Amino acid sequence: MLTPGNQAPDLKIQTVAHGDFDLARDKGKNGTLVIQYRGLHCPICIRQMGDVEAALDDFAELGVEVVMITTDTAERAVETVEKAGVSRVRVGHGLPLSEARDVWGLNISQAREGSAEPALFAEPGHFYISPDQTAYYVWQQTTPFGRPPMSDIVGGLKFTLANNYPPRGTYTGAL
């Protein structure tokens, strides 16, 4: 499980149209927002991809780089980008399922019978990673519903950066 206040894992991933992405190298002045999306089969993901692209200028003003990632294949990621009609947002593909679950703490689902879902895929996650590669915000979900709107994430980052707000949910000691 990825706990805020701890080192985030390395992330090196190929993107659809922006070469390779390396979290250690391609971070913004104030960090990186990594968004895991479910895949081509998910209409909510396709809509979210458009929302992310529409908010890229807001994130850039904050000095935050954004990358969306998926366990989908390159071919499925290309099709997702085409369906979303985006070109500016970096979209990484081919995140190994084992890394999604065991390193990033994402939930893995099996395809529903008769669906267009891949046999196994990672559920959504949103991770704000500080410039020193410390996990700061961690949102993980078990369904495609109820994702934080980009305006909430932008607003939260504005507050965090302006007020030097500490990461929360960091306690891992005895209870």
C-alpha atoms as a PDB file:
ATOM      1  CA  MET A   1       0.000   0.000   0.000  1.00  0.00           C
ATOM      2  CA  LEU A   2       1.275   3.453  -0.883  1.00  0.00           C
ATOM      3  CA  THR A   3       1.113   5.649   2.223  1.00  0.00           C
ATOM      4  CA  PRO A   4       1.286   9.452   2.091  1.00  0.00           C
ATOM      5  CA  GLY A   5       4.554  10.797   3.457  1.00  0.00           C
ATOM      6  CA  ASN A   6       6.520   7.811   2.134  1.00  0.00           C
ATOM      7  CA  GLN A   7       8.587   7.499  -1.007  1.00  0.00           C
ATOM      8  CA  ALA A   8       6.501   6.860  -4.116  1.00  0.00           C
ATOM      9  CA  PRO A   9       7.633   4.086  -6.424  1.00  0.00           C
ATOM     10  CA  ASP A  10       9.545   4.749  -9.600  1.00  0.00           C
ATOM     11  CA  LEU A  11       7.384   4.998 -12.678  1.00  0.00           C
ATOM     12  CA  LYS A  12       8.804   4.594 -16.150  1.00  0.00           C
ATOM     13  CA  ILE A  13       6.186   4.039 -18.821  1.00  0.00           C
ATOM     14  CA  GLN A  14       5.730   4.486 -22.564  1.00  0.00           C
ATOM     15  CA  THR A  15       3.080   6.988 -23.619  1.00  0.00           C
ATOM     16  CA  VAL A  16       0.803   7.080 -26.634  1.00  0.00           C
ATOM     17  CA  ALA A  17       2.215  10.231 -28.258  1.00  0.00           C
ATOM     18  CA  HIS A  18       4.759  11.778 -25.886  1.00  0.00           C
ATOM     19  CA  GLY A  19       7.631   9.265 -25.752  1.00  0.00           C
ATOM     20  CA  ASP A  20       8.542   7.680 -22.468  1.00  0.00           C
ATOM     21  CA  PHE A  21       7.568   9.136 -19.099  1.00  0.00           C
ATOM     22  CA  ASP A  22       9.882   8.886 -16.097  1.00  0.00           C
ATOM     23  CA  LEU A  23       8.446  10.153 -12.801  1.00  0.00           C
ATOM     24  CA  ALA A  24      11.906  11.062 -11.479  1.00  0.00           C
ATOM     25  CA  ARG A  25      12.766  13.060 -14.612  1.00  0.00           C
ATOM     26  CA  ASP A  26       9.439  14.439 -15.864  1.00  0.00           C
ATOM     27  CA  LYS A  27       8.051  15.979 -12.681  1.00  0.00           C
ATOM     28  CA  GLY A  28       6.716  19.489 -12.449  1.00  0.00           C
ATOM     29  CA  LYS A  29       8.280  22.172 -10.237  1.00  0.00           C
ATOM     30  CA  ASN A  30       5.633  21.306  -7.625  1.00  0.00           C
ATOM     31  CA  GLY A  31       5.261  17.616  -8.379  1.00  0.00           C
ATOM     32  CA  THR A  32       3.236  15.245 -10.487  1.00  0.00           C
ATOM     33  CA  LEU A  33      -0.345  14.029 -10.586  1.00  0.00           C
ATOM     34  CA  VAL A  34      -0.473  10.384 -11.679  1.00  0.00           C
ATOM     35  CA  ILE A  35      -3.966   9.205 -12.663  1.00  0.00           C
ATOM     36  CA  GLN A  36      -4.574   5.491 -13.229  1.00  0.00           C
ATOM     37  CA  TYR A  37      -7.556   4.889 -15.501  1.00  0.00           C
ATOM     38  CA  ARG A  38      -9.325   1.571 -16.043  1.00  0.00           C
ATOM     39  CA  GLY A  39      -9.047   1.359 -19.835  1.00  0.00           C
ATOM     40  CA  LEU A  40     -10.759   1.559 -23.187  1.00  0.00           C
ATOM     41  CA  HIS A  41     -13.843  -0.275 -21.931  1.00  0.00           C
ATOM     42  CA  CYS A  42     -14.645   2.527 -19.451  1.00  0.00           C
ATOM     43  CA  PRO A  43     -16.721   5.477 -20.731  1.00  0.00           C
ATOM     44  CA  ILE A  44     -16.132   7.340 -17.454  1.00  0.00           C
ATOM     45  CA  CYS A  45     -12.373   7.085 -18.084  1.00  0.00           C
ATOM     46  CA  ILE A  46     -12.790   8.487 -21.578  1.00  0.00           C
ATOM     47  CA  ARG A  47     -14.775  11.431 -20.206  1.00  0.00           C
ATOM     48  CA  GLN A  48     -12.224  11.946 -17.420  1.00  0.00           C
ATOM     49  CA  MET A  49      -9.402  12.027 -19.969  1.00  0.00           C
ATOM     50  CA  GLY A  50     -11.103  15.000 -21.623  1.00  0.00           C
ATOM     51  CA  ASP A  51     -11.569  16.667 -18.227  1.00  0.00           C
ATOM     52  CA  VAL A  52      -7.888  16.184 -17.444  1.00  0.00           C
ATOM     53  CA  GLU A  53      -6.848  17.697 -20.764  1.00  0.00           C
ATOM     54  CA  ALA A  54      -9.157  20.678 -20.158  1.00  0.00           C
ATOM     55  CA  ALA A  55      -7.464  21.270 -16.767  1.00  0.00           C
ATOM     56  CA  LEU A  56      -3.847  20.946 -17.984  1.00  0.00           C
ATOM     57  CA  ASP A  57      -3.313  24.725 -18.034  1.00  0.00           C
ATOM     58  CA  ASP A  58      -4.522  24.960 -14.411  1.00  0.00           C
ATOM     59  CA  PHE A  59      -2.070  22.248 -13.376  1.00  0.00           C
ATOM     60  CA  ALA A  60       0.719  23.934 -15.353  1.00  0.00           C
ATOM     61  CA  GLU A  61       0.059  27.221 -13.506  1.00  0.00           C
ATOM     62  CA  LEU A  62       0.564  25.280 -10.264  1.00  0.00           C
ATOM     63  CA  GLY A  63       3.777  23.713 -11.545  1.00  0.00           C
ATOM     64  CA  VAL A  64       2.254  20.221 -11.504  1.00  0.00           C
ATOM     65  CA  GLU A  65       2.889  17.744 -14.327  1.00  0.00           C
ATOM     66  CA  VAL A  66       0.076  15.295 -15.152  1.00  0.00           C
ATOM     67  CA  VAL A  67       0.246  11.785 -16.571  1.00  0.00           C
ATOM     68  CA  MET A  68      -2.560   9.268 -17.005  1.00  0.00           C
ATOM     69  CA  ILE A  69      -1.590   5.595 -16.934  1.00  0.00           C
ATOM     70  CA  THR A  70      -3.313   2.293 -17.604  1.00  0.00           C
ATOM     71  CA  THR A  71      -2.708  -1.433 -17.581  1.00  0.00           C
ATOM     72  CA  ASP A  72      -4.210  -1.504 -21.092  1.00  0.00           C
ATOM     73  CA  THR A  73      -2.060  -2.349 -24.108  1.00  0.00           C
ATOM     74  CA  ALA A  74      -0.612   0.353 -26.358  1.00  0.00           C
ATOM     75  CA  GLU A  75      -3.271  -0.377 -29.006  1.00  0.00           C
ATOM     76  CA  ARG A  76      -6.134   0.009 -26.528  1.00  0.00           C
ATOM     77  CA  ALA A  77      -4.586   3.193 -25.096  1.00  0.00           C
ATOM     78  CA  VAL A  78      -4.327   4.700 -28.602  1.00  0.00           C
ATOM     79  CA  GLU A  79      -7.993   3.925 -29.183  1.00  0.00           C
ATOM     80  CA  THR A  80      -8.915   5.472 -25.820  1.00  0.00           C
ATOM     81  CA  VAL A  81      -7.043   8.680 -26.688  1.00  0.00           C
ATOM     82  CA  GLU A  82      -8.815   8.808 -30.057  1.00  0.00           C
ATOM     83  CA  LYS A  83     -12.244   8.292 -28.447  1.00  0.00           C
ATOM     84  CA  ALA A  84     -11.486  11.003 -25.880  1.00  0.00           C
ATOM     85  CA  GLY A  85     -10.296  13.391 -28.595  1.00  0.00           C
ATOM     86  CA  VAL A  86      -7.249  14.459 -26.601  1.00  0.00           C
ATOM     87  CA  SER A  87      -3.710  15.232 -27.708  1.00  0.00           C
ATOM     88  CA  ARG A  88      -1.972  17.194 -24.944  1.00  0.00           C
ATOM     89  CA  VAL A  89      -2.325  14.901 -21.921  1.00  0.00           C
ATOM     90  CA  ARG A  90       0.372  12.256 -21.540  1.00  0.00           C
ATOM     91  CA  VAL A  91      -1.200   8.800 -21.576  1.00  0.00           C
ATOM     92  CA  GLY A  92       1.003   5.926 -20.461  1.00  0.00           C
ATOM     93  CA  HIS A  93       0.150   2.302 -21.171  1.00  0.00           C
ATOM     94  CA  GLY A  94       1.237  -1.201 -20.271  1.00  0.00           C
ATOM     95  CA  LEU A  95       1.564  -0.776 -16.490  1.00  0.00           C
ATOM     96  CA  PRO A  96       2.075  -4.377 -15.326  1.00  0.00           C
ATOM     97  CA  LEU A  97      -0.851  -5.638 -13.235  1.00  0.00           C
ATOM     98  CA  SER A  98       1.547  -6.862 -10.551  1.00  0.00           C
ATOM     99  CA  GLU A  99       3.061  -3.371 -10.268  1.00  0.00           C
ATOM    100  CA  ALA A 100      -0.389  -1.770 -10.242  1.00  0.00           C
ATOM    101  CA  ARG A 101      -1.460  -3.924  -7.298  1.00  0.00           C
ATOM    102  CA  ASP A 102       1.723  -4.650  -5.361  1.00  0.00           C
ATOM    103  CA  VAL A 103       3.588  -1.346  -5.835  1.00  0.00           C
ATOM    104  CA  TRP A 104       0.876   1.297  -6.337  1.00  0.00           C
ATOM    105  CA  GLY A 105      -1.761  -0.431  -4.176  1.00  0.00           C
ATOM    106  CA  LEU A 106      -4.417  -0.371  -6.881  1.00  0.00           C
ATOM    107  CA  ASN A 107      -7.358  -2.746  -6.817  1.00  0.00           C
ATOM    108  CA  ILE A 108      -7.560  -5.325  -9.619  1.00  0.00           C
ATOM    109  CA  SER A 109     -10.868  -6.445 -11.141  1.00  0.00           C
ATOM    110  CA  GLN A 110     -11.864  -9.344 -13.371  1.00  0.00           C
ATOM    111  CA  ALA A 111     -13.896  -8.843 -16.525  1.00  0.00           C
ATOM    112  CA  ARG A 112     -17.644  -9.106 -16.169  1.00  0.00           C
ATOM    113  CA  GLU A 113     -19.084 -11.874 -18.317  1.00  0.00           C
ATOM    114  CA  GLY A 114     -20.044 -10.577 -21.759  1.00  0.00           C
ATOM    115  CA  SER A 115     -18.310  -7.216 -21.253  1.00  0.00           C
ATOM    116  CA  ALA A 116     -15.595  -5.533 -23.328  1.00  0.00           C
ATOM    117  CA  GLU A 117     -13.369  -5.449 -20.253  1.00  0.00           C
ATOM    118  CA  PRO A 118      -9.945  -7.111 -20.395  1.00  0.00           C
ATOM    119  CA  ALA A 119      -9.616 -10.309 -18.348  1.00  0.00           C
ATOM    120  CA  LEU A 120      -7.912  -8.330 -15.547  1.00  0.00           C
ATOM    121  CA  PHE A 121      -7.455  -4.576 -15.139  1.00  0.00           C
ATOM    122  CA  ALA A 122      -6.618  -2.006 -12.466  1.00  0.00           C
ATOM    123  CA  GLU A 123      -9.304   0.194 -10.947  1.00  0.00           C
ATOM    124  CA  PRO A 124      -8.842   3.992 -10.742  1.00  0.00           C
ATOM    125  CA  GLY A 125      -6.288   5.756  -8.617  1.00  0.00           C
ATOM    126  CA  HIS A 126      -5.069   9.335  -8.266  1.00  0.00           C
ATOM    127  CA  PHE A 127      -1.663  10.094  -6.779  1.00  0.00           C
ATOM    128  CA  TYR A 128      -0.140  13.498  -6.164  1.00  0.00           C
ATOM    129  CA  ILE A 129       3.601  13.003  -5.872  1.00  0.00           C
ATOM    130  CA  SER A 130       5.763  15.804  -4.411  1.00  0.00           C
ATOM    131  CA  PRO A 131       8.889  16.917  -6.290  1.00  0.00           C
ATOM    132  CA  ASP A 132      11.074  14.794  -3.966  1.00  0.00           C
ATOM    133  CA  GLN A 133       8.945  11.783  -5.063  1.00  0.00           C
ATOM    134  CA  THR A 134       7.083  11.557  -1.763  1.00  0.00           C
ATOM    135  CA  ALA A 135       3.482  10.375  -2.014  1.00  0.00           C
ATOM    136  CA  TYR A 136       1.321  13.265  -0.870  1.00  0.00           C
ATOM    137  CA  TYR A 137      -2.313  12.577  -1.842  1.00  0.00           C
ATOM    138  CA  VAL A 138      -3.477   9.006  -2.532  1.00  0.00           C
ATOM    139  CA  TRP A 139      -6.977   8.227  -3.818  1.00  0.00           C
ATOM    140  CA  GLN A 140      -7.763   4.602  -4.695  1.00  0.00           C
ATOM    141  CA  GLN A 141     -11.099   3.234  -5.822  1.00  0.00           C
ATOM    142  CA  THR A 142     -12.803  -0.091  -6.373  1.00  0.00           C
ATOM    143  CA  THR A 143     -15.316   1.147  -8.946  1.00  0.00           C
ATOM    144  CA  PRO A 144     -15.284   3.663 -11.794  1.00  0.00           C
ATOM    145  CA  PHE A 145     -17.757   5.936  -9.987  1.00  0.00           C
ATOM    146  CA  GLY A 146     -17.147   8.912  -7.705  1.00  0.00           C
ATOM    147  CA  ARG A 147     -13.787  10.177  -8.926  1.00  0.00           C
ATOM    148  CA  PRO A 148     -12.651  13.575  -7.679  1.00  0.00           C
ATOM    149  CA  PRO A 149     -13.367  16.318 -10.221  1.00  0.00           C
ATOM    150  CA  MET A 150     -10.282  18.038 -11.605  1.00  0.00           C
ATOM    151  CA  SER A 151     -11.485  21.325 -10.090  1.00  0.00           C
ATOM    152  CA  ASP A 152     -11.360  19.711  -6.616  1.00  0.00           C
ATOM    153  CA  ILE A 153      -7.844  18.433  -7.208  1.00  0.00           C
ATOM    154  CA  VAL A 154      -6.685  21.811  -8.558  1.00  0.00           C
ATOM    155  CA  GLY A 155      -8.301  23.593  -5.597  1.00  0.00           C
ATOM    156  CA  GLY A 156      -6.762  21.179  -3.107  1.00  0.00           C
ATOM    157  CA  LEU A 157      -3.323  21.592  -4.647  1.00  0.00           C
ATOM    158  CA  LYS A 158      -3.654  25.398  -4.620  1.00  0.00           C
ATOM    159  CA  PHE A 159      -4.464  25.282  -0.899  1.00  0.00           C
ATOM    160  CA  THR A 160      -1.736  22.743  -0.178  1.00  0.00           C
ATOM    161  CA  LEU A 161       0.962  24.692  -1.990  1.00  0.00           C
ATOM    162  CA  ALA A 162      -0.095  28.102  -0.639  1.00  0.00           C
ATOM    163  CA  ASN A 163      -0.294  26.903   2.974  1.00  0.00           C
ATOM    164  CA  ASN A 164       2.487  24.318   3.132  1.00  0.00           C
ATOM    165  CA  TYR A 165      -0.221  21.849   4.198  1.00  0.00           C
ATOM    166  CA  PRO A 166       1.260  18.530   5.339  1.00  0.00           C
ATOM    167  CA  PRO A 167       0.338  15.148   3.868  1.00  0.00           C
ATOM    168  CA  ARG A 168      -2.432  13.461   5.854  1.00  0.00           C
ATOM    169  CA  GLY A 169      -3.038   9.763   6.531  1.00  0.00           C
ATOM    170  CA  THR A 170       0.623   9.172   7.310  1.00  0.00           C
ATOM    171  CA  TYR A 171       0.287   7.333  10.637  1.00  0.00           C
ATOM    172  CA  THR A 172       1.166   3.636  10.391  1.00  0.00           C
ATOM    173  CA  GLY A 173       1.983   2.863  14.055  1.00  0.00           C
ATOM    174  CA  ALA A 174       0.171   0.742  16.588  1.00  0.00           C
ATOM    175  CA  LEU A 175      -3.476   1.475  17.364  1.00  0.00           C
END
